[in-house]
Amino acid sequence: MDDIVLPKMLTQSFDLFIEPIFVVSKDSRILHANLPSAKLCGFRTNDGLKEKYYEEVKSVLFEDESVIQGLRLGNGKYCTLR
């Protein structure tokens, strides 16, 4: 598994947002999640999500396999850039 290191300035910037933000690898490993995304998944802190795969996070966000597969393929159907 390749170690992907996110710049601290980038993760600190994401932490300032009130919207949920996930940064994930191509193989669906969560590299960073801000506090709103952690709370959306039922965690008190974002430490519970870091380095986990979608399948390991017991949340309704990741229950639908077609959504997970779509995110993995990066087809843009479930995530769009503004």
PDB file of N, CA and C in Angstrom:
ATOM      1  N   MET A   1       0.848  -1.168   0.000  1.00  0.00           N
ATOM      2  CA  MET A   1       0.000   0.000   0.000  1.00  0.00           C
ATOM      3  C   MET A   1       0.896   1.234   0.000  1.00  0.00           C
ATOM      4  N   ASP A   2       0.654   2.145  -0.933  1.00  0.00           N
ATOM      5  CA  ASP A   2       1.418   3.378  -1.006  1.00  0.00           C
ATOM      6  C   ASP A   2       0.969   4.320   0.094  1.00  0.00           C
ATOM      7  N   ASP A   3       1.954   4.930   0.755  1.00  0.00           N
ATOM      8  CA  ASP A   3       1.628   5.916   1.773  1.00  0.00           C
ATOM      9  C   ASP A   3       1.445   7.271   1.111  1.00  0.00           C
ATOM     10  N   ILE A   4       0.251   7.789   1.219  1.00  0.00           N
ATOM     11  CA  ILE A   4      -0.061   9.097   0.672  1.00  0.00           C
ATOM     12  C   ILE A   4      -0.081  10.075   1.836  1.00  0.00           C
ATOM     13  N   VAL A   5       0.737  11.094   1.736  1.00  0.00           N
ATOM     14  CA  VAL A   5       0.812  12.090   2.800  1.00  0.00           C
ATOM     15  C   VAL A   5       0.190  13.379   2.287  1.00  0.00           C
ATOM     16  N   LEU A   6      -0.814  13.843   3.012  1.00  0.00           N
ATOM     17  CA  LEU A   6      -1.452  15.105   2.664  1.00  0.00           C
ATOM     18  C   LEU A   6      -0.747  16.241   3.394  1.00  0.00           C
ATOM     19  N   PRO A   7      -0.531  17.357   2.723  1.00  0.00           N
ATOM     20  CA  PRO A   7       0.092  18.494   3.396  1.00  0.00           C
ATOM     21  C   PRO A   7      -0.762  18.968   4.575  1.00  0.00           C
ATOM     22  N   LYS A   8      -0.111  19.276   5.671  1.00  0.00           N
ATOM     23  CA  LYS A   8      -0.815  19.696   6.882  1.00  0.00           C
ATOM     24  C   LYS A   8      -1.667  20.940   6.623  1.00  0.00           C
ATOM     25  N   MET A   9      -1.169  21.857   5.807  1.00  0.00           N
ATOM     26  CA  MET A   9      -1.927  23.071   5.509  1.00  0.00           C
ATOM     27  C   MET A   9      -3.247  22.726   4.814  1.00  0.00           C
ATOM     28  N   LEU A  10      -3.219  21.711   3.958  1.00  0.00           N
ATOM     29  CA  LEU A  10      -4.427  21.290   3.254  1.00  0.00           C
ATOM     30  C   LEU A  10      -5.449  20.694   4.224  1.00  0.00           C
ATOM     31  N   THR A  11      -5.007  19.799   5.081  1.00  0.00           N
ATOM     32  CA  THR A  11      -5.942  19.174   6.022  1.00  0.00           C
ATOM     33  C   THR A  11      -6.471  20.192   7.029  1.00  0.00           C
ATOM     34  N   GLN A  12      -5.640  21.126   7.446  1.00  0.00           N
ATOM     35  CA  GLN A  12      -6.105  22.171   8.361  1.00  0.00           C
ATOM     36  C   GLN A  12      -7.145  23.063   7.683  1.00  0.00           C
ATOM     37  N   SER A  13      -6.974  23.289   6.393  1.00  0.00           N
ATOM     38  CA  SER A  13      -7.964  24.077   5.645  1.00  0.00           C
ATOM     39  C   SER A  13      -9.296  23.336   5.574  1.00  0.00           C
ATOM     40  N   PHE A  14      -9.239  22.037   5.290  1.00  0.00           N
ATOM     41  CA  PHE A  14     -10.464  21.236   5.249  1.00  0.00           C
ATOM     42  C   PHE A  14     -11.170  21.232   6.602  1.00  0.00           C
ATOM     43  N   ASP A  15     -10.403  21.264   7.677  1.00  0.00           N
ATOM     44  CA  ASP A  15     -10.974  21.233   9.015  1.00  0.00           C
ATOM     45  C   ASP A  15     -11.756  22.500   9.349  1.00  0.00           C
ATOM     46  N   LEU A  16     -11.546  23.559   8.610  1.00  0.00           N
ATOM     47  CA  LEU A  16     -12.257  24.816   8.845  1.00  0.00           C
ATOM     48  C   LEU A  16     -13.664  24.826   8.238  1.00  0.00           C
ATOM     49  N   PHE A  17     -13.926  23.930   7.307  1.00  0.00           N
ATOM     50  CA  PHE A  17     -15.212  23.887   6.627  1.00  0.00           C
ATOM     51  C   PHE A  17     -16.287  23.294   7.526  1.00  0.00           C
ATOM     52  N   ILE A  18     -17.521  23.786   7.371  1.00  0.00           N
ATOM     53  CA  ILE A  18     -18.638  23.197   8.114  1.00  0.00           C
ATOM     54  C   ILE A  18     -19.305  22.083   7.307  1.00  0.00           C
ATOM     55  N   GLU A  19     -18.950  21.975   6.022  1.00  0.00           N
ATOM     56  CA  GLU A  19     -19.478  20.904   5.185  1.00  0.00           C
ATOM     57  C   GLU A  19     -18.610  19.650   5.353  1.00  0.00           C
ATOM     58  N   PRO A  20     -19.204  18.478   5.267  1.00  0.00           N
ATOM     59  CA  PRO A  20     -18.413  17.249   5.354  1.00  0.00           C
ATOM     60  C   PRO A  20     -17.467  17.115   4.163  1.00  0.00           C
ATOM     61  N   ILE A  21     -16.218  16.817   4.453  1.00  0.00           N
ATOM     62  CA  ILE A  21     -15.214  16.628   3.402  1.00  0.00           C
ATOM     63  C   ILE A  21     -14.455  15.342   3.681  1.00  0.00           C
ATOM     64  N   PHE A  22     -14.434  14.462   2.685  1.00  0.00           N
ATOM     65  CA  PHE A  22     -13.638  13.243   2.735  1.00  0.00           C
ATOM     66  C   PHE A  22     -12.557  13.349   1.669  1.00  0.00           C
ATOM     67  N   VAL A  23     -11.343  12.966   2.012  1.00  0.00           N
ATOM     68  CA  VAL A  23     -10.272  12.809   1.025  1.00  0.00           C
ATOM     69  C   VAL A  23      -9.960  11.324   1.025  1.00  0.00           C
ATOM     70  N   VAL A  24     -10.149  10.691  -0.135  1.00  0.00           N
ATOM     71  CA  VAL A  24      -9.986   9.240  -0.210  1.00  0.00           C
ATOM     72  C   VAL A  24      -8.996   8.859  -1.303  1.00  0.00           C
ATOM     73  N   SER A  25      -8.393   7.702  -1.134  1.00  0.00           N
ATOM     74  CA  SER A  25      -7.475   7.175  -2.137  1.00  0.00           C
ATOM     75  C   SER A  25      -8.284   6.461  -3.218  1.00  0.00           C
ATOM     76  N   LYS A  26      -7.608   6.034  -4.259  1.00  0.00           N
ATOM     77  CA  LYS A  26      -8.278   5.334  -5.360  1.00  0.00           C
ATOM     78  C   LYS A  26      -8.914   4.024  -4.916  1.00  0.00           C
ATOM     79  N   ASP A  27      -8.367   3.418  -3.871  1.00  0.00           N
ATOM     80  CA  ASP A  27      -8.900   2.139  -3.406  1.00  0.00           C
ATOM     81  C   ASP A  27      -9.879   2.295  -2.236  1.00  0.00           C
ATOM     82  N   SER A  28     -10.453   3.483  -2.088  1.00  0.00           N
ATOM     83  CA  SER A  28     -11.489   3.816  -1.100  1.00  0.00           C
ATOM     84  C   SER A  28     -10.989   3.855   0.347  1.00  0.00           C
ATOM     85  N   ARG A  29      -9.724   4.142   0.532  1.00  0.00           N
ATOM     86  CA  ARG A  29      -9.179   4.325   1.883  1.00  0.00           C
ATOM     87  C   ARG A  29      -9.321   5.796   2.256  1.00  0.00           C
ATOM     88  N   ILE A  30      -9.875   6.081   3.410  1.00  0.00           N
ATOM     89  CA  ILE A  30     -10.082   7.458   3.841  1.00  0.00           C
ATOM     90  C   ILE A  30      -8.755   8.021   4.343  1.00  0.00           C
ATOM     91  N   LEU A  31      -8.264   9.032   3.645  1.00  0.00           N
ATOM     92  CA  LEU A  31      -6.998   9.661   4.010  1.00  0.00           C
ATOM     93  C   LEU A  31      -7.214  10.797   5.005  1.00  0.00           C
ATOM     94  N   HIS A  32      -8.321  11.496   4.843  1.00  0.00           N
ATOM     95  CA  HIS A  32      -8.657  12.569   5.778  1.00  0.00           C
ATOM     96  C   HIS A  32     -10.159  12.787   5.756  1.00  0.00           C
ATOM     97  N   ALA A  33     -10.703  13.077   6.913  1.00  0.00           N
ATOM     98  CA  ALA A  33     -12.111  13.430   7.042  1.00  0.00           C
ATOM     99  C   ALA A  33     -12.200  14.542   8.072  1.00  0.00           C
ATOM    100  N   ASN A  34     -12.917  15.607   7.736  1.00  0.00           N
ATOM    101  CA  ASN A  34     -13.043  16.674   8.726  1.00  0.00           C
ATOM    102  C   ASN A  34     -14.106  16.292   9.758  1.00  0.00           C
ATOM    103  N   LEU A  35     -14.242  17.100  10.801  1.00  0.00           N
ATOM    104  CA  LEU A  35     -15.141  16.769  11.905  1.00  0.00           C
ATOM    105  C   LEU A  35     -16.596  16.629  11.463  1.00  0.00           C
ATOM    106  N   PRO A  36     -17.129  17.515  10.604  1.00  0.00           N
ATOM    107  CA  PRO A  36     -18.515  17.303  10.162  1.00  0.00           C
ATOM    108  C   PRO A  36     -18.733  15.950   9.456  1.00  0.00           C
ATOM    109  N   SER A  37     -17.763  15.496   8.690  1.00  0.00           N
ATOM    110  CA  SER A  37     -17.919  14.192   8.039  1.00  0.00           C
ATOM    111  C   SER A  37     -17.880  13.071   9.069  1.00  0.00           C
ATOM    112  N   ALA A  38     -17.054  13.216  10.078  1.00  0.00           N
ATOM    113  CA  ALA A  38     -16.997  12.205  11.141  1.00  0.00           C
ATOM    114  C   ALA A  38     -18.327  12.139  11.884  1.00  0.00           C
ATOM    115  N   LYS A  39     -18.881  13.303  12.198  1.00  0.00           N
ATOM    116  CA  LYS A  39     -20.159  13.325  12.912  1.00  0.00           C
ATOM    117  C   LYS A  39     -21.280  12.753  12.045  1.00  0.00           C
ATOM    118  N   LEU A  40     -21.222  12.993  10.754  1.00  0.00           N
ATOM    119  CA  LEU A  40     -22.204  12.437   9.836  1.00  0.00           C
ATOM    120  C   LEU A  40     -22.160  10.911   9.832  1.00  0.00           C
ATOM    121  N   CYS A  41     -20.976  10.355  10.063  1.00  0.00           N
ATOM    122  CA  CYS A  41     -20.805   8.899  10.115  1.00  0.00           C
ATOM    123  C   CYS A  41     -21.012   8.326  11.511  1.00  0.00           C
ATOM    124  N   GLY A  42     -21.291   9.194  12.493  1.00  0.00           N
ATOM    125  CA  GLY A  42     -21.562   8.720  13.845  1.00  0.00           C
ATOM    126  C   GLY A  42     -20.354   8.674  14.763  1.00  0.00           C
ATOM    127  N   PHE A  43     -19.257   9.318  14.384  1.00  0.00           N
ATOM    128  CA  PHE A  43     -18.063   9.356  15.220  1.00  0.00           C
ATOM    129  C   PHE A  43     -17.988  10.688  15.966  1.00  0.00           C
ATOM    130  N   ARG A  44     -17.349  10.686  17.118  1.00  0.00           N
ATOM    131  CA  ARG A  44     -17.169  11.934  17.869  1.00  0.00           C
ATOM    132  C   ARG A  44     -16.008  12.758  17.329  1.00  0.00           C
ATOM    133  N   THR A  45     -14.984  12.084  16.836  1.00  0.00           N
ATOM    134  CA  THR A  45     -13.823  12.770  16.273  1.00  0.00           C
ATOM    135  C   THR A  45     -13.503  12.163  14.913  1.00  0.00           C
ATOM    136  N   ASN A  46     -12.672  12.852  14.162  1.00  0.00           N
ATOM    137  CA  ASN A  46     -12.315  12.335  12.841  1.00  0.00           C
ATOM    138  C   ASN A  46     -11.235  11.253  12.902  1.00  0.00           C
ATOM    139  N   ASP A  47     -10.661  11.011  14.071  1.00  0.00           N
ATOM    140  CA  ASP A  47      -9.652   9.958  14.207  1.00  0.00           C
ATOM    141  C   ASP A  47     -10.225   8.571  13.918  1.00  0.00           C
ATOM    142  N   GLY A  48     -11.511   8.388  14.144  1.00  0.00           N
ATOM    143  CA  GLY A  48     -12.144   7.093  13.913  1.00  0.00           C
ATOM    144  C   GLY A  48     -12.265   6.715  12.445  1.00  0.00           C
ATOM    145  N   LEU A  49     -12.096   7.682  11.557  1.00  0.00           N
ATOM    146  CA  LEU A  49     -12.234   7.418  10.129  1.00  0.00           C
ATOM    147  C   LEU A  49     -10.900   7.280   9.409  1.00  0.00           C
ATOM    148  N   LYS A  50      -9.876   7.875   9.927  1.00  0.00           N
ATOM    149  CA  LYS A  50      -8.599   7.939   9.226  1.00  0.00           C
ATOM    150  C   LYS A  50      -8.018   6.554   8.961  1.00  0.00           C
ATOM    151  N   GLU A  51      -7.586   6.353   7.714  1.00  0.00           N
ATOM    152  CA  GLU A  51      -6.952   5.116   7.244  1.00  0.00           C
ATOM    153  C   GLU A  51      -7.903   3.922   7.171  1.00  0.00           C
ATOM    154  N   LYS A  52      -9.190   4.146   7.304  1.00  0.00           N
ATOM    155  CA  LYS A  52     -10.141   3.049   7.159  1.00  0.00           C
ATOM    156  C   LYS A  52     -10.663   3.008   5.728  1.00  0.00           C
ATOM    157  N   TYR A  53     -11.117   1.840   5.326  1.00  0.00           N
ATOM    158  CA  TYR A  53     -11.769   1.678   4.033  1.00  0.00           C
ATOM    159  C   TYR A  53     -13.267   1.863   4.225  1.00  0.00           C
ATOM    160  N   TYR A  54     -13.964   2.205   3.146  1.00  0.00           N
ATOM    161  CA  TYR A  54     -15.406   2.410   3.232  1.00  0.00           C
ATOM    162  C   TYR A  54     -16.097   1.248   3.927  1.00  0.00           C
ATOM    163  N   GLU A  55     -15.696   0.030   3.577  1.00  0.00           N
ATOM    164  CA  GLU A  55     -16.347  -1.156   4.121  1.00  0.00           C
ATOM    165  C   GLU A  55     -16.164  -1.273   5.630  1.00  0.00           C
ATOM    166  N   GLU A  56     -15.101  -0.676   6.168  1.00  0.00           N
ATOM    167  CA  GLU A  56     -14.827  -0.762   7.604  1.00  0.00           C
ATOM    168  C   GLU A  56     -15.638   0.239   8.421  1.00  0.00           C
ATOM    169  N   VAL A  57     -16.140   1.263   7.766  1.00  0.00           N
ATOM    170  CA  VAL A  57     -16.906   2.294   8.462  1.00  0.00           C
ATOM    171  C   VAL A  57     -18.366   1.865   8.477  1.00  0.00           C
ATOM    172  N   LYS A  58     -18.877   1.621   9.654  1.00  0.00           N
ATOM    173  CA  LYS A  58     -20.265   1.186   9.783  1.00  0.00           C
ATOM    174  C   LYS A  58     -21.165   2.420   9.798  1.00  0.00           C
ATOM    175  N   SER A  59     -21.525   2.873   8.600  1.00  0.00           N
ATOM    176  CA  SER A  59     -22.352   4.056   8.447  1.00  0.00           C
ATOM    177  C   SER A  59     -23.288   3.857   7.272  1.00  0.00           C
ATOM    178  N   VAL A  60     -24.471   4.472   7.347  1.00  0.00           N
ATOM    179  CA  VAL A  60     -25.415   4.362   6.242  1.00  0.00           C
ATOM    180  C   VAL A  60     -24.868   5.018   4.979  1.00  0.00           C
ATOM    181  N   LEU A  61     -23.898   5.902   5.124  1.00  0.00           N
ATOM    182  CA  LEU A  61     -23.292   6.543   3.962  1.00  0.00           C
ATOM    183  C   LEU A  61     -22.618   5.535   3.043  1.00  0.00           C
ATOM    184  N   PHE A  62     -22.121   4.463   3.611  1.00  0.00           N
ATOM    185  CA  PHE A  62     -21.334   3.503   2.845  1.00  0.00           C
ATOM    186  C   PHE A  62     -22.007   2.141   2.710  1.00  0.00           C
ATOM    187  N   GLU A  63     -23.306   2.064   2.953  1.00  0.00           N
ATOM    188  CA  GLU A  63     -23.991   0.774   2.895  1.00  0.00           C
ATOM    189  C   GLU A  63     -24.333   0.327   1.484  1.00  0.00           C
ATOM    190  N   ASP A  64     -24.601   1.243   0.586  1.00  0.00           N
ATOM    191  CA  ASP A  64     -25.014   0.890  -0.766  1.00  0.00           C
ATOM    192  C   ASP A  64     -23.783   0.604  -1.622  1.00  0.00           C
ATOM    193  N   GLU A  65     -23.602  -0.646  -1.988  1.00  0.00           N
ATOM    194  CA  GLU A  65     -22.409  -1.065  -2.729  1.00  0.00           C
ATOM    195  C   GLU A  65     -22.279  -0.353  -4.072  1.00  0.00           C
ATOM    196  N   SER A  66     -23.402  -0.015  -4.710  1.00  0.00           N
ATOM    197  CA  SER A  66     -23.309   0.675  -6.000  1.00  0.00           C
ATOM    198  C   SER A  66     -22.728   2.071  -5.834  1.00  0.00           C
ATOM    199  N   VAL A  67     -23.030   2.721  -4.712  1.00  0.00           N
ATOM    200  CA  VAL A  67     -22.449   4.037  -4.444  1.00  0.00           C
ATOM    201  C   VAL A  67     -20.955   3.894  -4.200  1.00  0.00           C
ATOM    202  N   ILE A  68     -20.579   2.899  -3.410  1.00  0.00           N
ATOM    203  CA  ILE A  68     -19.158   2.672  -3.135  1.00  0.00           C
ATOM    204  C   ILE A  68     -18.411   2.378  -4.430  1.00  0.00           C
ATOM    205  N   GLN A  69     -18.981   1.521  -5.254  1.00  0.00           N
ATOM    206  CA  GLN A  69     -18.333   1.183  -6.520  1.00  0.00           C
ATOM    207  C   GLN A  69     -18.213   2.413  -7.410  1.00  0.00           C
ATOM    208  N   GLY A  70     -19.238   3.252  -7.445  1.00  0.00           N
ATOM    209  CA  GLY A  70     -19.195   4.474  -8.242  1.00  0.00           C
ATOM    210  C   GLY A  70     -18.114   5.428  -7.765  1.00  0.00           C
ATOM    211  N   LEU A  71     -17.969   5.530  -6.459  1.00  0.00           N
ATOM    212  CA  LEU A  71     -16.913   6.384  -5.915  1.00  0.00           C
ATOM    213  C   LEU A  71     -15.543   5.816  -6.233  1.00  0.00           C
ATOM    214  N   ARG A  72     -15.424   4.498  -6.151  1.00  0.00           N
ATOM    215  CA  ARG A  72     -14.154   3.843  -6.435  1.00  0.00           C
ATOM    216  C   ARG A  72     -13.738   4.055  -7.884  1.00  0.00           C
ATOM    217  N   LEU A  73     -14.712   3.988  -8.778  1.00  0.00           N
ATOM    218  CA  LEU A  73     -14.415   4.160 -10.188  1.00  0.00           C
ATOM    219  C   LEU A  73     -14.191   5.618 -10.553  1.00  0.00           C
ATOM    220  N   GLY A  74     -14.592   6.514  -9.686  1.00  0.00           N
ATOM    221  CA  GLY A  74     -14.397   7.932  -9.953  1.00  0.00           C
ATOM    222  C   GLY A  74     -15.169   8.408 -11.169  1.00  0.00           C
ATOM    223  N   ASN A  75     -16.388   7.894 -11.331  1.00  0.00           N
ATOM    224  CA  ASN A  75     -17.149   8.239 -12.525  1.00  0.00           C
ATOM    225  C   ASN A  75     -17.839   9.596 -12.438  1.00  0.00           C
ATOM    226  N   GLY A  76     -17.728  10.287 -11.306  1.00  0.00           N
ATOM    227  CA  GLY A  76     -18.316  11.609 -11.182  1.00  0.00           C
ATOM    228  C   GLY A  76     -19.823  11.598 -10.976  1.00  0.00           C
ATOM    229  N   LYS A  77     -20.418  10.417 -10.941  1.00  0.00           N
ATOM    230  CA  LYS A  77     -21.865  10.324 -10.787  1.00  0.00           C
ATOM    231  C   LYS A  77     -22.301  10.715  -9.378  1.00  0.00           C
ATOM    232  N   TYR A  78     -21.493  10.413  -8.387  1.00  0.00           N
ATOM    233  CA  TYR A  78     -21.869  10.673  -7.013  1.00  0.00           C
ATOM    234  C   TYR A  78     -21.147  11.870  -6.416  1.00  0.00           C
ATOM    235  N   CYS A  79     -20.048  12.267  -6.991  1.00  0.00           N
ATOM    236  CA  CYS A  79     -19.299  13.418  -6.501  1.00  0.00           C
ATOM    237  C   CYS A  79     -19.066  14.384  -7.660  1.00  0.00           C
ATOM    238  N   THR A  80     -19.370  15.616  -7.444  1.00  0.00           N
ATOM    239  CA  THR A  80     -19.130  16.613  -8.469  1.00  0.00           C
ATOM    240  C   THR A  80     -18.331  17.746  -7.886  1.00  0.00           C
ATOM    241  N   LEU A  81     -17.569  18.384  -8.709  1.00  0.00           N
ATOM    242  CA  LEU A  81     -16.802  19.549  -8.298  1.00  0.00           C
ATOM    243  C   LEU A  81     -17.586  20.798  -8.651  1.00  0.00           C
ATOM    244  N   ARG A  82     -17.534  21.770  -7.796  1.00  0.00           N
ATOM    245  CA  ARG A  82     -18.210  23.037  -8.085  1.00  0.00           C
ATOM    246  C   ARG A  82     -17.208  24.072  -8.522  1.00  0.00           C
TER     247      ARG A  82
END
